Amino acid sequence: MQDLHRELHFAMICTVMLDVIIWVISLFLVKFQIAVILGLILGSVGMIVNLFLLRKSILNAVYFGKTKDFVGYLLRCLIASVMIAISLIFSYVNTVTTVLPFLYPKIIFGILSVRSNPIKRK
């Protein structure tokens, strides 16, 4: 359980760092736009909530033997869908920067797996 908590904490720190990187890149591409920042915030909040729910599903599977948490999966899909729909409906939220944070876990946990499993050299 402690490992999941550490991974979630690491994911939150990396999310903030990736948000700042994307925001700086967007300054060069589209200049300053509040829609970019709102999209990053919306997407990051949705992604972190999804990770919290995923953690809960994993803990339920470990402690209570639930091997299938389809409702949790549907809830996570619903949250992502709502966040993306909000960005599509409201013009003051950038859709691209709302979607990007949902891709962060691939980067974050890739970094975490490399960091926690160093390659042993002969």
Protein backbone atom coordinates (compact mmCIF):
# COMPACT_ATOMS: atom_id res chain seq x y z
CA MET A 1 0.00 0.00 0.00
CA GLN A 2 2.88 2.34 0.79
CA ASP A 3 4.29 1.77 -2.71
CA LEU A 4 1.00 2.86 -4.29
CA HIS A 5 0.99 5.98 -2.13
CA ARG A 6 4.57 6.83 -3.17
CA GLU A 7 3.77 6.23 -6.84
CA LEU A 8 0.73 8.50 -6.62
CA HIS A 9 2.79 11.21 -4.93
CA PHE A 10 5.47 10.85 -7.64
CA ALA A 11 2.75 11.06 -10.32
CA MET A 12 1.41 14.30 -8.86
CA ILE A 13 4.85 15.91 -8.80
CA CYS A 14 5.57 14.76 -12.37
CA THR A 15 2.17 16.04 -13.49
CA VAL A 16 2.96 19.53 -12.27
CA MET A 17 6.37 19.40 -13.94
CA LEU A 18 4.93 18.16 -17.25
CA ASP A 19 2.19 20.80 -17.09
CA VAL A 20 4.82 23.53 -16.72
CA ILE A 21 6.86 22.10 -19.61
CA ILE A 22 3.81 21.97 -21.88
CA TRP A 23 2.78 25.47 -20.83
CA VAL A 24 6.26 26.85 -21.66
CA ILE A 25 6.19 25.11 -25.04
CA SER A 26 2.72 26.53 -25.70
CA LEU A 27 4.05 30.03 -25.03
CA PHE A 28 6.26 29.67 -28.10
CA LEU A 29 3.55 28.07 -30.24
CA VAL A 30 0.36 29.96 -29.43
CA LYS A 31 1.58 32.77 -27.13
CA PHE A 32 -0.11 33.18 -23.76
CA GLN A 33 -3.66 31.85 -23.67
CA ILE A 34 -5.67 31.22 -20.54
CA ALA A 35 -7.41 28.36 -22.37
CA VAL A 36 -4.14 26.42 -22.40
CA ILE A 37 -3.74 26.77 -18.64
CA LEU A 38 -7.38 25.88 -17.97
CA GLY A 39 -7.05 22.82 -20.21
CA LEU A 40 -3.94 21.66 -18.36
CA ILE A 41 -5.61 22.13 -14.99
CA LEU A 42 -8.79 20.34 -16.07
CA GLY A 43 -6.91 17.44 -17.64
CA SER A 44 -4.49 17.10 -14.73
CA VAL A 45 -7.28 17.06 -12.15
CA GLY A 46 -9.11 14.41 -14.18
CA MET A 47 -5.97 12.31 -14.54
CA ILE A 48 -5.13 12.51 -10.82
CA VAL A 49 -8.71 11.57 -9.88
CA ASN A 50 -8.43 8.62 -12.27
CA LEU A 51 -5.19 7.53 -10.60
CA PHE A 52 -6.81 7.78 -7.14
CA LEU A 53 -9.71 5.62 -8.34
CA LEU A 54 -7.29 3.15 -9.93
CA ARG A 55 -5.39 2.95 -6.64
CA LYS A 56 -8.66 2.26 -4.83
CA SER A 57 -9.49 -0.51 -7.32
CA ILE A 58 -6.05 -2.07 -6.82
CA LEU A 59 -6.38 -1.95 -3.03
CA ASN A 60 -9.85 -3.51 -3.23
CA ALA A 61 -8.46 -6.31 -5.38
CA VAL A 62 -5.60 -6.94 -2.95
CA TYR A 63 -7.51 -6.73 0.33
CA PHE A 64 -10.98 -7.88 -0.61
CA GLY A 65 -10.27 -10.23 -3.50
CA LYS A 66 -12.22 -8.28 -6.06
CA THR A 67 -10.66 -9.31 -9.33
CA LYS A 68 -13.07 -7.39 -11.53
CA ASP A 69 -13.82 -3.79 -10.89
CA PHE A 70 -15.76 -2.96 -14.03
CA VAL A 71 -17.75 -0.21 -12.33
CA GLY A 72 -14.50 1.50 -11.33
CA TYR A 73 -13.24 1.22 -14.88
CA LEU A 74 -16.46 2.75 -16.24
CA LEU A 75 -16.24 5.55 -13.68
CA ARG A 76 -12.66 6.35 -14.74
CA CYS A 77 -13.75 6.38 -18.41
CA LEU A 78 -16.68 8.64 -17.51
CA ILE A 79 -14.42 11.11 -15.73
CA ALA A 80 -12.06 11.30 -18.70
CA SER A 81 -15.00 11.68 -21.08
CA VAL A 82 -16.58 14.46 -19.02
CA MET A 83 -13.31 16.39 -18.84
CA ILE A 84 -12.82 16.13 -22.59
CA ALA A 85 -16.46 17.03 -23.26
CA ILE A 86 -16.13 20.13 -21.08
CA SER A 87 -13.12 21.21 -23.11
CA LEU A 88 -15.03 20.68 -26.34
CA ILE A 89 -18.12 22.56 -25.15
CA PHE A 90 -16.41 25.61 -23.66
CA SER A 91 -14.19 27.63 -25.97
CA TYR A 92 -12.15 29.03 -23.09
CA VAL A 93 -10.70 25.55 -22.35
CA ASN A 94 -8.13 24.14 -24.77
CA THR A 95 -9.02 20.58 -25.79
CA VAL A 96 -5.48 19.49 -26.68
CA THR A 97 -4.09 20.52 -23.32
CA THR A 98 -7.01 18.81 -21.59
CA VAL A 99 -6.27 15.50 -23.31
CA LEU A 100 -2.47 15.58 -22.86
CA PRO A 101 -2.46 14.97 -19.07
CA PHE A 102 -4.36 11.72 -19.62
CA LEU A 103 -1.26 10.53 -21.49
CA TYR A 104 1.10 11.48 -18.64
CA PRO A 105 0.85 8.15 -16.78
CA LYS A 106 2.66 6.42 -19.66
CA ILE A 107 5.56 8.85 -19.28
CA ILE A 108 5.45 9.02 -15.49
CA PHE A 109 5.36 5.31 -14.79
CA GLY A 110 7.91 4.67 -17.52
CA ILE A 111 10.27 7.01 -15.66
CA LEU A 112 9.36 5.36 -12.36
CA SER A 113 10.06 1.86 -13.67
CA VAL A 114 13.45 2.90 -15.02
CA ARG A 115 14.27 4.76 -11.81
CA SER A 116 13.30 1.90 -9.52
CA ASN A 117 14.83 -0.91 -11.65
CA PRO A 118 18.39 0.18 -12.46
CA ILE A 119 20.17 -1.83 -15.13
CA LYS A 120 23.04 -3.78 -13.63
CA ARG A 121 26.24 -3.56 -15.64
CA LYS A 122 28.85 -6.26 -15.73
